[in-house]
Amino acid sequence: MDNKQEQIARIIAVDKRLRKQIADLYYMIKESDNPSEFIPLLAEHVNIMVEMIEDVRKPR
């Protein structure tokens, strides 16, 4: 496997783990006594992702 394929495989593997962790977090929040108190936490994660998207869009 060449370097680019290895890089893509590693990214996909991390993405799968991250998606699982996000789903686990979501279900833990939903099962909590007051899910709405975690909205700021979720919003912070969204903000991080938006910043990452904006950074990736920048020309190199």
PDB file of N, CA and C in Angstrom:
ATOM      1  N   MET A   1       0.852  -1.183   0.000  1.00  0.00           N
ATOM      2  CA  MET A   1       0.000   0.000   0.000  1.00  0.00           C
ATOM      3  C   MET A   1       0.894   1.241   0.000  1.00  0.00           C
ATOM      4  N   ASP A   2       0.589   2.189  -0.891  1.00  0.00           N
ATOM      5  CA  ASP A   2       1.430   3.380  -0.940  1.00  0.00           C
ATOM      6  C   ASP A   2       1.063   4.348   0.182  1.00  0.00           C
ATOM      7  N   ASN A   3       1.859   5.386   0.305  1.00  0.00           N
ATOM      8  CA  ASN A   3       1.713   6.341   1.395  1.00  0.00           C
ATOM      9  C   ASN A   3       0.332   6.994   1.420  1.00  0.00           C
ATOM     10  N   LYS A   4      -0.173   7.375   0.231  1.00  0.00           N
ATOM     11  CA  LYS A   4      -1.485   8.034   0.169  1.00  0.00           C
ATOM     12  C   LYS A   4      -2.586   7.072   0.622  1.00  0.00           C
ATOM     13  N   GLN A   5      -2.531   5.832   0.193  1.00  0.00           N
ATOM     14  CA  GLN A   5      -3.532   4.845   0.604  1.00  0.00           C
ATOM     15  C   GLN A   5      -3.457   4.587   2.104  1.00  0.00           C
ATOM     16  N   GLU A   6      -2.258   4.534   2.654  1.00  0.00           N
ATOM     17  CA  GLU A   6      -2.092   4.342   4.094  1.00  0.00           C
ATOM     18  C   GLU A   6      -2.664   5.521   4.860  1.00  0.00           C
ATOM     19  N   GLN A   7      -2.419   6.710   4.355  1.00  0.00           N
ATOM     20  CA  GLN A   7      -2.946   7.919   4.997  1.00  0.00           C
ATOM     21  C   GLN A   7      -4.475   7.899   4.982  1.00  0.00           C
ATOM     22  N   ILE A   8      -5.058   7.562   3.849  1.00  0.00           N
ATOM     23  CA  ILE A   8      -6.515   7.493   3.740  1.00  0.00           C
ATOM     24  C   ILE A   8      -7.062   6.421   4.676  1.00  0.00           C
ATOM     25  N   ALA A   9      -6.423   5.280   4.742  1.00  0.00           N
ATOM     26  CA  ALA A   9      -6.872   4.198   5.628  1.00  0.00           C
ATOM     27  C   ALA A   9      -6.824   4.630   7.089  1.00  0.00           C
ATOM     28  N   ARG A  10      -5.767   5.348   7.474  1.00  0.00           N
ATOM     29  CA  ARG A  10      -5.665   5.829   8.861  1.00  0.00           C
ATOM     30  C   ARG A  10      -6.757   6.847   9.164  1.00  0.00           C
ATOM     31  N   ILE A  11      -7.023   7.744   8.222  1.00  0.00           N
ATOM     32  CA  ILE A  11      -8.072   8.754   8.416  1.00  0.00           C
ATOM     33  C   ILE A  11      -9.426   8.078   8.568  1.00  0.00           C
ATOM     34  N   ILE A  12      -9.712   7.100   7.726  1.00  0.00           N
ATOM     35  CA  ILE A  12     -10.987   6.378   7.807  1.00  0.00           C
ATOM     36  C   ILE A  12     -11.108   5.643   9.139  1.00  0.00           C
ATOM     37  N   ALA A  13     -10.038   5.045   9.610  1.00  0.00           N
ATOM     38  CA  ALA A  13     -10.066   4.330  10.886  1.00  0.00           C
ATOM     39  C   ALA A  13     -10.345   5.287  12.044  1.00  0.00           C
ATOM     40  N   VAL A  14      -9.698   6.434  12.045  1.00  0.00           N
ATOM     41  CA  VAL A  14      -9.937   7.429  13.095  1.00  0.00           C
ATOM     42  C   VAL A  14     -11.367   7.949  13.007  1.00  0.00           C
ATOM     43  N   ASP A  15     -11.845   8.186  11.785  1.00  0.00           N
ATOM     44  CA  ASP A  15     -13.216   8.661  11.591  1.00  0.00           C
ATOM     45  C   ASP A  15     -14.225   7.673  12.165  1.00  0.00           C
ATOM     46  N   LYS A  16     -14.021   6.396  11.940  1.00  0.00           N
ATOM     47  CA  LYS A  16     -14.943   5.381  12.472  1.00  0.00           C
ATOM     48  C   LYS A  16     -14.973   5.399  13.996  1.00  0.00           C
ATOM     49  N   ARG A  17     -13.784   5.506  14.607  1.00  0.00           N
ATOM     50  CA  ARG A  17     -13.727   5.568  16.073  1.00  0.00           C
ATOM     51  C   ARG A  17     -14.402   6.835  16.591  1.00  0.00           C
ATOM     52  N   LEU A  18     -14.149   7.952  15.916  1.00  0.00           N
ATOM     53  CA  LEU A  18     -14.735   9.223  16.320  1.00  0.00           C
ATOM     54  C   LEU A  18     -16.259   9.185  16.227  1.00  0.00           C
ATOM     55  N   ARG A  19     -16.780   8.635  15.150  1.00  0.00           N
ATOM     56  CA  ARG A  19     -18.235   8.540  14.989  1.00  0.00           C
ATOM     57  C   ARG A  19     -18.854   7.705  16.104  1.00  0.00           C
ATOM     58  N   LYS A  20     -18.188   6.626  16.473  1.00  0.00           N
ATOM     59  CA  LYS A  20     -18.667   5.773  17.567  1.00  0.00           C
ATOM     60  C   LYS A  20     -18.667   6.554  18.878  1.00  0.00           C
ATOM     61  N   GLN A  21     -17.604   7.293  19.124  1.00  0.00           N
ATOM     62  CA  GLN A  21     -17.519   8.073  20.348  1.00  0.00           C
ATOM     63  C   GLN A  21     -18.569   9.183  20.382  1.00  0.00           C
ATOM     64  N   ILE A  22     -18.816   9.816  19.242  1.00  0.00           N
ATOM     65  CA  ILE A  22     -19.850  10.851  19.174  1.00  0.00           C
ATOM     66  C   ILE A  22     -21.222  10.245  19.467  1.00  0.00           C
ATOM     67  N   ALA A  23     -21.496   9.085  18.892  1.00  0.00           N
ATOM     68  CA  ALA A  23     -22.771   8.411  19.148  1.00  0.00           C
ATOM     69  C   ALA A  23     -22.897   8.052  20.627  1.00  0.00           C
ATOM     70  N   ASP A  24     -21.819   7.549  21.227  1.00  0.00           N
ATOM     71  CA  ASP A  24     -21.839   7.222  22.659  1.00  0.00           C
ATOM     72  C   ASP A  24     -22.123   8.467  23.497  1.00  0.00           C
ATOM     73  N   LEU A  25     -21.459   9.570  23.156  1.00  0.00           N
ATOM     74  CA  LEU A  25     -21.683  10.829  23.874  1.00  0.00           C
ATOM     75  C   LEU A  25     -23.132  11.262  23.744  1.00  0.00           C
ATOM     76  N   TYR A  26     -23.662  11.201  22.537  1.00  0.00           N
ATOM     77  CA  TYR A  26     -25.053  11.601  22.298  1.00  0.00           C
ATOM     78  C   TYR A  26     -26.021  10.780  23.160  1.00  0.00           C
ATOM     79  N   TYR A  27     -25.843   9.471  23.178  1.00  0.00           N
ATOM     80  CA  TYR A  27     -26.751   8.637  23.961  1.00  0.00           C
ATOM     81  C   TYR A  27     -26.602   8.883  25.459  1.00  0.00           C
ATOM     82  N   MET A  28     -25.383   9.157  25.910  1.00  0.00           N
ATOM     83  CA  MET A  28     -25.186   9.479  27.324  1.00  0.00           C
ATOM     84  C   MET A  28     -25.891  10.786  27.677  1.00  0.00           C
ATOM     85  N   ILE A  29     -25.786  11.766  26.787  1.00  0.00           N
ATOM     86  CA  ILE A  29     -26.454  13.048  27.024  1.00  0.00           C
ATOM     87  C   ILE A  29     -27.962  12.862  27.030  1.00  0.00           C
ATOM     88  N   LYS A  30     -28.482  12.130  26.041  1.00  0.00           N
ATOM     89  CA  LYS A  30     -29.933  11.907  25.957  1.00  0.00           C
ATOM     90  C   LYS A  30     -30.472  11.186  27.188  1.00  0.00           C
ATOM     91  N   GLU A  31     -29.671  10.296  27.788  1.00  0.00           N
ATOM     92  CA  GLU A  31     -30.113   9.530  28.942  1.00  0.00           C
ATOM     93  C   GLU A  31     -29.894  10.269  30.261  1.00  0.00           C
ATOM     94  N   SER A  32     -29.250  11.422  30.213  1.00  0.00           N
ATOM     95  CA  SER A  32     -28.993  12.173  31.439  1.00  0.00           C
ATOM     96  C   SER A  32     -30.294  12.800  31.953  1.00  0.00           C
ATOM     97  N   ASP A  33     -30.243  13.264  33.174  1.00  0.00           N
ATOM     98  CA  ASP A  33     -31.428  13.864  33.794  1.00  0.00           C
ATOM     99  C   ASP A  33     -31.853  15.160  33.117  1.00  0.00           C
ATOM    100  N   ASN A  34     -30.899  15.881  32.568  1.00  0.00           N
ATOM    101  CA  ASN A  34     -31.205  17.165  31.939  1.00  0.00           C
ATOM    102  C   ASN A  34     -30.347  17.350  30.683  1.00  0.00           C
ATOM    103  N   PRO A  35     -30.746  16.718  29.587  1.00  0.00           N
ATOM    104  CA  PRO A  35     -29.936  16.773  28.363  1.00  0.00           C
ATOM    105  C   PRO A  35     -29.650  18.188  27.868  1.00  0.00           C
ATOM    106  N   SER A  36     -30.579  19.108  28.080  1.00  0.00           N
ATOM    107  CA  SER A  36     -30.393  20.462  27.547  1.00  0.00           C
ATOM    108  C   SER A  36     -29.211  21.188  28.192  1.00  0.00           C
ATOM    109  N   GLU A  37     -28.790  20.763  29.367  1.00  0.00           N
ATOM    110  CA  GLU A  37     -27.644  21.425  29.990  1.00  0.00           C
ATOM    111  C   GLU A  37     -26.344  21.145  29.226  1.00  0.00           C
ATOM    112  N   PHE A  38     -26.363  20.165  28.324  1.00  0.00           N
ATOM    113  CA  PHE A  38     -25.173  19.813  27.565  1.00  0.00           C
ATOM    114  C   PHE A  38     -25.136  20.461  26.184  1.00  0.00           C
ATOM    115  N   ILE A  39     -26.114  21.309  25.897  1.00  0.00           N
ATOM    116  CA  ILE A  39     -26.131  22.012  24.611  1.00  0.00           C
ATOM    117  C   ILE A  39     -24.854  22.824  24.402  1.00  0.00           C
ATOM    118  N   PRO A  40     -24.364  23.554  25.409  1.00  0.00           N
ATOM    119  CA  PRO A  40     -23.100  24.289  25.193  1.00  0.00           C
ATOM    120  C   PRO A  40     -21.929  23.363  24.834  1.00  0.00           C
ATOM    121  N   LEU A  41     -21.892  22.199  25.426  1.00  0.00           N
ATOM    122  CA  LEU A  41     -20.844  21.233  25.110  1.00  0.00           C
ATOM    123  C   LEU A  41     -20.939  20.800  23.647  1.00  0.00           C
ATOM    124  N   LEU A  42     -22.143  20.468  23.206  1.00  0.00           N
ATOM    125  CA  LEU A  42     -22.343  20.068  21.815  1.00  0.00           C
ATOM    126  C   LEU A  42     -22.021  21.222  20.867  1.00  0.00           C
ATOM    127  N   ALA A  43     -22.418  22.432  21.248  1.00  0.00           N
ATOM    128  CA  ALA A  43     -22.139  23.603  20.416  1.00  0.00           C
ATOM    129  C   ALA A  43     -20.636  23.837  20.289  1.00  0.00           C
ATOM    130  N   GLU A  44     -19.909  23.572  21.358  1.00  0.00           N
ATOM    131  CA  GLU A  44     -18.461  23.722  21.309  1.00  0.00           C
ATOM    132  C   GLU A  44     -17.844  22.744  20.305  1.00  0.00           C
ATOM    133  N   HIS A  45     -18.351  21.528  20.282  1.00  0.00           N
ATOM    134  CA  HIS A  45     -17.866  20.544  19.309  1.00  0.00           C
ATOM    135  C   HIS A  45     -18.174  20.990  17.879  1.00  0.00           C
ATOM    136  N   VAL A  46     -19.362  21.525  17.671  1.00  0.00           N
ATOM    137  CA  VAL A  46     -19.732  22.029  16.341  1.00  0.00           C
ATOM    138  C   VAL A  46     -18.797  23.161  15.938  1.00  0.00           C
ATOM    139  N   ASN A  47     -18.519  24.051  16.869  1.00  0.00           N
ATOM    140  CA  ASN A  47     -17.627  25.170  16.590  1.00  0.00           C
ATOM    141  C   ASN A  47     -16.236  24.677  16.185  1.00  0.00           C
ATOM    142  N   ILE A  48     -15.740  23.679  16.881  1.00  0.00           N
ATOM    143  CA  ILE A  48     -14.430  23.110  16.548  1.00  0.00           C
ATOM    144  C   ILE A  48     -14.448  22.569  15.114  1.00  0.00           C
ATOM    145  N   MET A  49     -15.506  21.868  14.758  1.00  0.00           N
ATOM    146  CA  MET A  49     -15.588  21.288  13.414  1.00  0.00           C
ATOM    147  C   MET A  49     -15.674  22.384  12.348  1.00  0.00           C
ATOM    148  N   VAL A  50     -16.438  23.445  12.620  1.00  0.00           N
ATOM    149  CA  VAL A  50     -16.534  24.551  11.658  1.00  0.00           C
ATOM    150  C   VAL A  50     -15.162  25.185  11.465  1.00  0.00           C
ATOM    151  N   GLU A  51     -14.428  25.393  12.558  1.00  0.00           N
ATOM    152  CA  GLU A  51     -13.083  25.954  12.444  1.00  0.00           C
ATOM    153  C   GLU A  51     -12.170  25.042  11.627  1.00  0.00           C
ATOM    154  N   MET A  52     -12.303  23.736  11.809  1.00  0.00           N
ATOM    155  CA  MET A  52     -11.488  22.789  11.050  1.00  0.00           C
ATOM    156  C   MET A  52     -11.829  22.864   9.568  1.00  0.00           C
ATOM    157  N   ILE A  53     -13.107  22.936   9.243  1.00  0.00           N
ATOM    158  CA  ILE A  53     -13.537  23.029   7.843  1.00  0.00           C
ATOM    159  C   ILE A  53     -12.986  24.305   7.213  1.00  0.00           C
ATOM    160  N   GLU A  54     -13.105  25.420   7.928  1.00  0.00           N
ATOM    161  CA  GLU A  54     -12.592  26.684   7.401  1.00  0.00           C
ATOM    162  C   GLU A  54     -11.088  26.615   7.172  1.00  0.00           C
ATOM    163  N   ASP A  55     -10.369  25.961   8.084  1.00  0.00           N
ATOM    164  CA  ASP A  55      -8.925  25.836   7.939  1.00  0.00           C
ATOM    165  C   ASP A  55      -8.555  24.967   6.738  1.00  0.00           C
ATOM    166  N   VAL A  56      -9.269  23.875   6.547  1.00  0.00           N
ATOM    167  CA  VAL A  56      -8.977  22.970   5.430  1.00  0.00           C
ATOM    168  C   VAL A  56      -9.292  23.638   4.094  1.00  0.00           C
ATOM    169  N   ARG A  57     -10.292  24.494   4.076  1.00  0.00           N
ATOM    170  CA  ARG A  57     -10.660  25.192   2.837  1.00  0.00           C
ATOM    171  C   ARG A  57      -9.617  26.194   2.387  1.00  0.00           C
ATOM    172  N   LYS A  58      -8.801  26.694   3.321  1.00  0.00           N
ATOM    173  CA  LYS A  58      -7.799  27.699   2.968  1.00  0.00           C
ATOM    174  C   LYS A  58      -6.820  27.109   1.954  1.00  0.00           C
ATOM    175  N   PRO A  59      -6.469  27.923   0.964  1.00  0.00           N
ATOM    176  CA  PRO A  59      -5.469  27.436   0.004  1.00  0.00           C
ATOM    177  C   PRO A  59      -4.130  27.209   0.699  1.00  0.00           C
ATOM    178  N   ARG A  60      -3.421  26.215   0.219  1.00  0.00           N
ATOM    179  CA  ARG A  60      -2.092  25.926   0.787  1.00  0.00           C
ATOM    180  C   ARG A  60      -1.053  26.815   0.216  1.00  0.00           C
TER     181      ARG A  60
END
